[in-house]
Amino acid sequence: MKISIVIPAHNEAETIAQCLASVQIAIDQLPSTFTASVLVVLDSCTDDTLRIVQAAGVDYLCCYYQCVGQVRDLGIRHAIVNGATWLACTDADSSVSADWLLQQIEHIRHQKTDMICGVVTVDNWSHLSLYTKKAYMAHYQDKMGHRHVHGANLSFSKEAYLASGGFAALACHEDVDLVNRFEAQCYAITWSNRVRVLTSSRLQARAKEGFGAFLANLETVS
């Protein structure tokens, strides 16, 4: 199996190095029978993100879509052309767990899944209100069988991705749209809390209706 980790990035100089370091740790845990590569897709970056990616020795593409759905699709299709059979997505403001890839492999082996929807843990609550934390914790189900969808923690097979049509050209909720199409075509989806990612609690969201916007809305209510 050849795994490709695809990471979209728009002006992520503050977080991309930590993200890439965590992904490398996850790759280092893999058995020798697996190969893995990393691809960063830089979208309209005007900061030092490109320089940091180059210094890390990671493959990258540059584009100017300003549309996360197009960015993810570009990276996934590029990875597939280069031989990837399993695609794992995370975000540049997130850090994957050390066993992130190992847990995916376990699900593939035992459940013959076509897609894995993992969970996220918020990295820092200190700048958020107690109301926001409590409301989030009451809403979020950190368990097997959860129904949360995160582009920062989503993986799938090459065959199912291509058959489903891939990520749509959406500025937000491209991840939910893809999962919906997998479900509509009766692909096997594993909703796992064993596949874990630590994600940023920043309120300056890159996607207008993304995770940061969700937290910001809770802050507004509080």
C-alpha atoms as a PDB file:
ATOM      1  CA  MET A   1       0.000   0.000   0.000  1.00  0.00           C
ATOM      2  CA  LYS A   2       1.239   3.454  -0.887  1.00  0.00           C
ATOM      3  CA  ILE A   3      -0.136   6.205   1.345  1.00  0.00           C
ATOM      4  CA  SER A   4      -0.114   9.885   0.491  1.00  0.00           C
ATOM      5  CA  ILE A   5      -0.788  12.595   3.056  1.00  0.00           C
ATOM      6  CA  VAL A   6      -2.200  15.705   1.396  1.00  0.00           C
ATOM      7  CA  ILE A   7      -2.187  19.026   3.244  1.00  0.00           C
ATOM      8  CA  PRO A   8      -3.720  22.269   1.896  1.00  0.00           C
ATOM      9  CA  ALA A   9      -2.074  25.444   3.136  1.00  0.00           C
ATOM     10  CA  HIS A  10      -2.898  29.136   2.892  1.00  0.00           C
ATOM     11  CA  ASN A  11      -0.503  31.386   4.819  1.00  0.00           C
ATOM     12  CA  GLU A  12       0.300  28.781   7.489  1.00  0.00           C
ATOM     13  CA  ALA A  13       3.863  29.808   8.349  1.00  0.00           C
ATOM     14  CA  GLU A  14       3.111  29.734  12.086  1.00  0.00           C
ATOM     15  CA  THR A  15       1.880  26.134  12.140  1.00  0.00           C
ATOM     16  CA  ILE A  16       3.081  24.199   9.079  1.00  0.00           C
ATOM     17  CA  ALA A  17       6.421  23.086  10.563  1.00  0.00           C
ATOM     18  CA  GLN A  18       4.763  21.451  13.564  1.00  0.00           C
ATOM     19  CA  CYS A  19       2.194  19.823  11.298  1.00  0.00           C
ATOM     20  CA  LEU A  20       4.862  18.340   9.034  1.00  0.00           C
ATOM     21  CA  ALA A  21       6.919  17.148  12.003  1.00  0.00           C
ATOM     22  CA  SER A  22       3.918  15.293  13.417  1.00  0.00           C
ATOM     23  CA  VAL A  23       3.169  13.681  10.056  1.00  0.00           C
ATOM     24  CA  GLN A  24       6.768  12.499   9.779  1.00  0.00           C
ATOM     25  CA  ILE A  25       6.559  10.896  13.220  1.00  0.00           C
ATOM     26  CA  ALA A  26       3.417   9.050  12.089  1.00  0.00           C
ATOM     27  CA  ILE A  27       5.172   7.890   8.920  1.00  0.00           C
ATOM     28  CA  ASP A  28       8.146   6.640  10.933  1.00  0.00           C
ATOM     29  CA  GLN A  29       5.841   4.246  12.823  1.00  0.00           C
ATOM     30  CA  LEU A  30       4.785   2.412   9.658  1.00  0.00           C
ATOM     31  CA  PRO A  31       5.964  -1.136   8.940  1.00  0.00           C
ATOM     32  CA  SER A  32       8.458  -1.471   6.095  1.00  0.00           C
ATOM     33  CA  THR A  33       5.762  -2.976   3.870  1.00  0.00           C
ATOM     34  CA  PHE A  34       4.107   0.440   3.625  1.00  0.00           C
ATOM     35  CA  THR A  35       5.370   3.550   1.903  1.00  0.00           C
ATOM     36  CA  ALA A  36       4.142   7.063   2.584  1.00  0.00           C
ATOM     37  CA  SER A  37       4.720  10.489   1.097  1.00  0.00           C
ATOM     38  CA  VAL A  38       3.629  14.012   1.962  1.00  0.00           C
ATOM     39  CA  LEU A  39       2.278  16.638  -0.415  1.00  0.00           C
ATOM     40  CA  VAL A  40       1.529  20.222   0.605  1.00  0.00           C
ATOM     41  CA  VAL A  41      -0.694  22.215  -1.737  1.00  0.00           C
ATOM     42  CA  LEU A  42       0.009  25.897  -1.220  1.00  0.00           C
ATOM     43  CA  ASP A  43      -2.914  28.104  -2.185  1.00  0.00           C
ATOM     44  CA  SER A  44      -2.264  31.798  -2.731  1.00  0.00           C
ATOM     45  CA  CYS A  45       0.390  31.961  -0.002  1.00  0.00           C
ATOM     46  CA  THR A  46       2.015  35.342   0.626  1.00  0.00           C
ATOM     47  CA  ASP A  47       3.949  34.482   3.801  1.00  0.00           C
ATOM     48  CA  ASP A  48       6.857  32.099   4.512  1.00  0.00           C
ATOM     49  CA  THR A  49       4.867  28.878   4.166  1.00  0.00           C
ATOM     50  CA  LEU A  50       6.633  27.890   0.945  1.00  0.00           C
ATOM     51  CA  ARG A  51      10.085  28.464   2.433  1.00  0.00           C
ATOM     52  CA  ILE A  52       9.259  26.321   5.455  1.00  0.00           C
ATOM     53  CA  VAL A  53       7.907  23.506   3.293  1.00  0.00           C
ATOM     54  CA  GLN A  54      10.996  23.631   1.098  1.00  0.00           C
ATOM     55  CA  ALA A  55      13.262  23.528   4.164  1.00  0.00           C
ATOM     56  CA  ALA A  56      11.412  20.429   5.357  1.00  0.00           C
ATOM     57  CA  GLY A  57      12.159  18.692   2.072  1.00  0.00           C
ATOM     58  CA  VAL A  58       8.486  17.960   1.435  1.00  0.00           C
ATOM     59  CA  ASP A  59       6.904  17.803  -2.017  1.00  0.00           C
ATOM     60  CA  TYR A  60       4.546  20.651  -2.826  1.00  0.00           C
ATOM     61  CA  LEU A  61       2.332  22.217  -5.450  1.00  0.00           C
ATOM     62  CA  CYS A  62       1.380  25.869  -5.783  1.00  0.00           C
ATOM     63  CA  CYS A  63      -2.005  27.122  -6.938  1.00  0.00           C
ATOM     64  CA  TYR A  64      -4.176  30.224  -6.731  1.00  0.00           C
ATOM     65  CA  TYR A  65      -7.675  28.849  -6.316  1.00  0.00           C
ATOM     66  CA  GLN A  66      -8.638  30.360  -2.946  1.00  0.00           C
ATOM     67  CA  CYS A  67     -11.005  27.401  -2.724  1.00  0.00           C
ATOM     68  CA  VAL A  68     -10.200  24.558  -0.350  1.00  0.00           C
ATOM     69  CA  GLY A  69     -12.221  22.005  -2.300  1.00  0.00           C
ATOM     70  CA  GLN A  70     -10.215  22.633  -5.448  1.00  0.00           C
ATOM     71  CA  VAL A  71      -6.979  22.643  -3.486  1.00  0.00           C
ATOM     72  CA  ARG A  72      -7.670  19.293  -1.848  1.00  0.00           C
ATOM     73  CA  ASP A  73      -8.761  17.746  -5.147  1.00  0.00           C
ATOM     74  CA  LEU A  74      -5.659  18.993  -6.931  1.00  0.00           C
ATOM     75  CA  GLY A  75      -3.424  17.396  -4.304  1.00  0.00           C
ATOM     76  CA  ILE A  76      -5.346  14.117  -4.135  1.00  0.00           C
ATOM     77  CA  ARG A  77      -5.373  13.625  -7.894  1.00  0.00           C
ATOM     78  CA  HIS A  78      -1.680  14.474  -8.129  1.00  0.00           C
ATOM     79  CA  ALA A  79      -0.937  11.892  -5.439  1.00  0.00           C
ATOM     80  CA  ILE A  80      -3.028   9.264  -7.231  1.00  0.00           C
ATOM     81  CA  VAL A  81      -1.219   9.869 -10.512  1.00  0.00           C
ATOM     82  CA  ASN A  82       2.000   9.266  -8.587  1.00  0.00           C
ATOM     83  CA  GLY A  83       0.857   5.885  -7.310  1.00  0.00           C
ATOM     84  CA  ALA A  84      -1.004   6.546  -4.055  1.00  0.00           C
ATOM     85  CA  THR A  85      -3.648   3.949  -3.217  1.00  0.00           C
ATOM     86  CA  TRP A  86      -4.720   5.349   0.167  1.00  0.00           C
ATOM     87  CA  LEU A  87      -5.121   9.104   0.717  1.00  0.00           C
ATOM     88  CA  ALA A  88      -4.984  10.766   4.119  1.00  0.00           C
ATOM     89  CA  CYS A  89      -5.978  14.398   4.610  1.00  0.00           C
ATOM     90  CA  THR A  90      -5.037  16.766   7.388  1.00  0.00           C
ATOM     91  CA  ASP A  91      -4.690  20.537   7.716  1.00  0.00           C
ATOM     92  CA  ALA A  92      -1.666  22.768   8.122  1.00  0.00           C
ATOM     93  CA  ASP A  93      -2.860  24.073  11.500  1.00  0.00           C
ATOM     94  CA  SER A  94      -3.184  20.550  12.910  1.00  0.00           C
ATOM     95  CA  SER A  95      -0.876  17.880  14.314  1.00  0.00           C
ATOM     96  CA  VAL A  96      -1.610  14.203  13.799  1.00  0.00           C
ATOM     97  CA  SER A  97      -1.118  11.611  16.533  1.00  0.00           C
ATOM     98  CA  ALA A  98       1.951   9.359  16.372  1.00  0.00           C
ATOM     99  CA  ASP A  99      -0.247   6.342  15.569  1.00  0.00           C
ATOM    100  CA  TRP A 100      -2.472   8.235  13.112  1.00  0.00           C
ATOM    101  CA  LEU A 101      -1.470   6.111  10.127  1.00  0.00           C
ATOM    102  CA  LEU A 102      -1.157   2.872  12.089  1.00  0.00           C
ATOM    103  CA  GLN A 103      -4.731   3.193  13.311  1.00  0.00           C
ATOM    104  CA  GLN A 104      -5.921   3.777   9.763  1.00  0.00           C
ATOM    105  CA  ILE A 105      -4.145   0.620   8.633  1.00  0.00           C
ATOM    106  CA  GLU A 106      -5.797  -1.365  11.426  1.00  0.00           C
ATOM    107  CA  HIS A 107      -9.239  -0.216  10.295  1.00  0.00           C
ATOM    108  CA  ILE A 108      -8.461  -1.086   6.678  1.00  0.00           C
ATOM    109  CA  ARG A 109      -7.250  -4.546   7.649  1.00  0.00           C
ATOM    110  CA  HIS A 110     -10.104  -5.465   9.953  1.00  0.00           C
ATOM    111  CA  GLN A 111     -13.061  -3.585   8.509  1.00  0.00           C
ATOM    112  CA  LYS A 112     -12.199  -3.305   4.809  1.00  0.00           C
ATOM    113  CA  THR A 113     -13.254   0.316   4.920  1.00  0.00           C
ATOM    114  CA  ASP A 114     -13.339   2.764   2.004  1.00  0.00           C
ATOM    115  CA  MET A 115     -13.177   5.893   4.164  1.00  0.00           C
ATOM    116  CA  ILE A 116     -12.216   6.803   7.723  1.00  0.00           C
ATOM    117  CA  CYS A 117     -13.635   9.860   9.478  1.00  0.00           C
ATOM    118  CA  GLY A 118     -11.471  10.584  12.502  1.00  0.00           C
ATOM    119  CA  VAL A 119     -11.858  12.950  15.439  1.00  0.00           C
ATOM    120  CA  VAL A 120     -10.109  16.142  16.479  1.00  0.00           C
ATOM    121  CA  THR A 121      -8.987  17.452  19.859  1.00  0.00           C
ATOM    122  CA  VAL A 122      -8.842  21.207  20.420  1.00  0.00           C
ATOM    123  CA  ASP A 123      -5.268  22.278  21.179  1.00  0.00           C
ATOM    124  CA  ASN A 124      -5.913  25.224  23.519  1.00  0.00           C
ATOM    125  CA  TRP A 125      -8.946  26.547  25.370  1.00  0.00           C
ATOM    126  CA  SER A 126      -7.212  29.347  27.288  1.00  0.00           C
ATOM    127  CA  HIS A 127      -8.329  32.177  24.992  1.00  0.00           C
ATOM    128  CA  LEU A 128     -11.917  30.928  24.776  1.00  0.00           C
ATOM    129  CA  SER A 129     -14.774  31.376  27.211  1.00  0.00           C
ATOM    130  CA  LEU A 130     -15.898  28.672  29.613  1.00  0.00           C
ATOM    131  CA  TYR A 131     -19.268  28.698  27.829  1.00  0.00           C
ATOM    132  CA  THR A 132     -17.606  27.876  24.502  1.00  0.00           C
ATOM    133  CA  LYS A 133     -15.670  24.986  25.997  1.00  0.00           C
ATOM    134  CA  LYS A 134     -18.732  23.547  27.737  1.00  0.00           C
ATOM    135  CA  ALA A 135     -20.942  23.962  24.657  1.00  0.00           C
ATOM    136  CA  TYR A 136     -18.349  22.323  22.463  1.00  0.00           C
ATOM    137  CA  MET A 137     -17.796  19.410  24.825  1.00  0.00           C
ATOM    138  CA  ALA A 138     -21.547  18.854  25.109  1.00  0.00           C
ATOM    139  CA  HIS A 139     -21.832  18.790  21.313  1.00  0.00           C
ATOM    140  CA  TYR A 140     -18.770  16.732  20.434  1.00  0.00           C
ATOM    141  CA  GLN A 141     -18.905  12.943  20.620  1.00  0.00           C
ATOM    142  CA  ASP A 142     -15.416  11.521  21.019  1.00  0.00           C
ATOM    143  CA  LYS A 143     -16.342   7.880  20.504  1.00  0.00           C
ATOM    144  CA  MET A 144     -16.468   5.138  17.916  1.00  0.00           C
ATOM    145  CA  GLY A 145     -19.458   5.646  15.671  1.00  0.00           C
ATOM    146  CA  HIS A 146     -19.422   9.446  16.017  1.00  0.00           C
ATOM    147  CA  ARG A 147     -20.777  11.395  13.050  1.00  0.00           C
ATOM    148  CA  HIS A 148     -18.324  14.305  12.898  1.00  0.00           C
ATOM    149  CA  VAL A 149     -16.580  15.186   9.636  1.00  0.00           C
ATOM    150  CA  HIS A 150     -13.226  16.994   9.581  1.00  0.00           C
ATOM    151  CA  GLY A 151     -11.110  17.740   6.539  1.00  0.00           C
ATOM    152  CA  ALA A 152      -8.225  17.750   9.036  1.00  0.00           C
ATOM    153  CA  ASN A 153      -8.781  14.036   9.687  1.00  0.00           C
ATOM    154  CA  LEU A 154     -10.261  12.269   6.685  1.00  0.00           C
ATOM    155  CA  SER A 155      -8.848   9.368   4.661  1.00  0.00           C
ATOM    156  CA  PHE A 156     -10.082   7.139   1.855  1.00  0.00           C
ATOM    157  CA  SER A 157      -9.176   4.736  -0.924  1.00  0.00           C
ATOM    158  CA  LYS A 158      -8.157   5.821  -4.387  1.00  0.00           C
ATOM    159  CA  GLU A 159     -10.881   3.775  -6.063  1.00  0.00           C
ATOM    160  CA  ALA A 160     -13.738   5.166  -3.982  1.00  0.00           C
ATOM    161  CA  TYR A 161     -12.475   8.733  -4.314  1.00  0.00           C
ATOM    162  CA  LEU A 162     -12.334   8.600  -8.093  1.00  0.00           C
ATOM    163  CA  ALA A 163     -15.684   6.847  -8.382  1.00  0.00           C
ATOM    164  CA  SER A 164     -17.353   9.428  -6.124  1.00  0.00           C
ATOM    165  CA  GLY A 165     -16.066  12.324  -8.221  1.00  0.00           C
ATOM    166  CA  GLY A 166     -13.666  13.652  -5.589  1.00  0.00           C
ATOM    167  CA  PHE A 167     -13.737  16.887  -3.626  1.00  0.00           C
ATOM    168  CA  ALA A 168     -16.090  19.439  -5.154  1.00  0.00           C
ATOM    169  CA  ALA A 169     -14.972  22.999  -5.865  1.00  0.00           C
ATOM    170  CA  LEU A 170     -16.468  24.325  -2.629  1.00  0.00           C
ATOM    171  CA  ALA A 171     -15.039  27.066  -0.438  1.00  0.00           C
ATOM    172  CA  CYS A 172     -16.253  25.228   2.681  1.00  0.00           C
ATOM    173  CA  HIS A 173     -17.919  21.948   3.677  1.00  0.00           C
ATOM    174  CA  GLU A 174     -16.116  20.150   0.860  1.00  0.00           C
ATOM    175  CA  ASP A 175     -15.375  17.387   3.367  1.00  0.00           C
ATOM    176  CA  VAL A 176     -19.037  16.928   4.324  1.00  0.00           C
ATOM    177  CA  ASP A 177     -20.018  16.911   0.654  1.00  0.00           C
ATOM    178  CA  LEU A 178     -17.510  14.150  -0.101  1.00  0.00           C
ATOM    179  CA  VAL A 179     -18.671  12.021   2.830  1.00  0.00           C
ATOM    180  CA  ASN A 180     -22.285  12.444   1.720  1.00  0.00           C
ATOM    181  CA  ARG A 181     -21.421  11.154  -1.732  1.00  0.00           C
ATOM    182  CA  PHE A 182     -19.540   8.181  -0.288  1.00  0.00           C
ATOM    183  CA  GLU A 183     -22.632   7.374   1.751  1.00  0.00           C
ATOM    184  CA  ALA A 184     -24.945   7.804  -1.248  1.00  0.00           C
ATOM    185  CA  GLN A 185     -22.847   5.298  -3.192  1.00  0.00           C
ATOM    186  CA  CYS A 186     -22.860   2.855  -0.259  1.00  0.00           C
ATOM    187  CA  TYR A 187     -19.123   2.908   0.413  1.00  0.00           C
ATOM    188  CA  ALA A 188     -18.014   1.567   3.780  1.00  0.00           C
ATOM    189  CA  ILE A 189     -17.230   4.416   6.189  1.00  0.00           C
ATOM    190  CA  THR A 190     -15.547   3.956   9.571  1.00  0.00           C
ATOM    191  CA  TRP A 191     -16.300   6.643  12.159  1.00  0.00           C
ATOM    192  CA  SER A 192     -13.291   6.276  14.415  1.00  0.00           C
ATOM    193  CA  ASN A 193     -12.037   7.991  17.558  1.00  0.00           C
ATOM    194  CA  ARG A 194      -8.842   5.942  17.372  1.00  0.00           C
ATOM    195  CA  VAL A 195      -7.665   8.052  14.420  1.00  0.00           C
ATOM    196  CA  ARG A 196      -6.878  11.349  16.115  1.00  0.00           C
ATOM    197  CA  VAL A 197      -5.678  14.853  15.244  1.00  0.00           C
ATOM    198  CA  LEU A 198      -4.906  17.864  17.442  1.00  0.00           C
ATOM    199  CA  THR A 199      -6.293  20.961  15.762  1.00  0.00           C
ATOM    200  CA  SER A 200      -5.999  24.705  16.247  1.00  0.00           C
ATOM    201  CA  SER A 201      -8.566  26.642  18.263  1.00  0.00           C
ATOM    202  CA  ARG A 202      -7.810  29.874  16.435  1.00  0.00           C
ATOM    203  CA  LEU A 203     -10.842  31.976  15.609  1.00  0.00           C
ATOM    204  CA  GLN A 204      -9.422  33.503  12.417  1.00  0.00           C
ATOM    205  CA  ALA A 205     -10.814  30.771  10.181  1.00  0.00           C
ATOM    206  CA  ARG A 206      -9.312  30.088   6.749  1.00  0.00           C
ATOM    207  CA  ALA A 207     -12.686  28.742   5.606  1.00  0.00           C
ATOM    208  CA  LYS A 208     -15.636  31.047   6.289  1.00  0.00           C
ATOM    209  CA  GLU A 209     -17.745  28.224   7.731  1.00  0.00           C
ATOM    210  CA  GLY A 210     -14.935  25.952   8.926  1.00  0.00           C
ATOM    211  CA  PHE A 211     -13.906  24.767  12.386  1.00  0.00           C
ATOM    212  CA  GLY A 212     -12.558  28.160  13.458  1.00  0.00           C
ATOM    213  CA  ALA A 213     -15.819  29.792  12.425  1.00  0.00           C
ATOM    214  CA  PHE A 214     -17.729  27.223  14.482  1.00  0.00           C
ATOM    215  CA  LEU A 215     -15.731  28.143  17.591  1.00  0.00           C
ATOM    216  CA  ALA A 216     -16.093  31.855  16.828  1.00  0.00           C
ATOM    217  CA  ASN A 217     -19.865  31.472  16.633  1.00  0.00           C
ATOM    218  CA  LEU A 218     -19.896  29.822  20.062  1.00  0.00           C
ATOM    219  CA  GLU A 219     -17.848  32.728  21.407  1.00  0.00           C
ATOM    220  CA  THR A 220     -20.386  35.165  19.990  1.00  0.00           C
ATOM    221  CA  VAL A 221     -23.225  33.363  21.743  1.00  0.00           C
ATOM    222  CA  SER A 222     -21.352  33.415  25.040  1.00  0.00           C
END
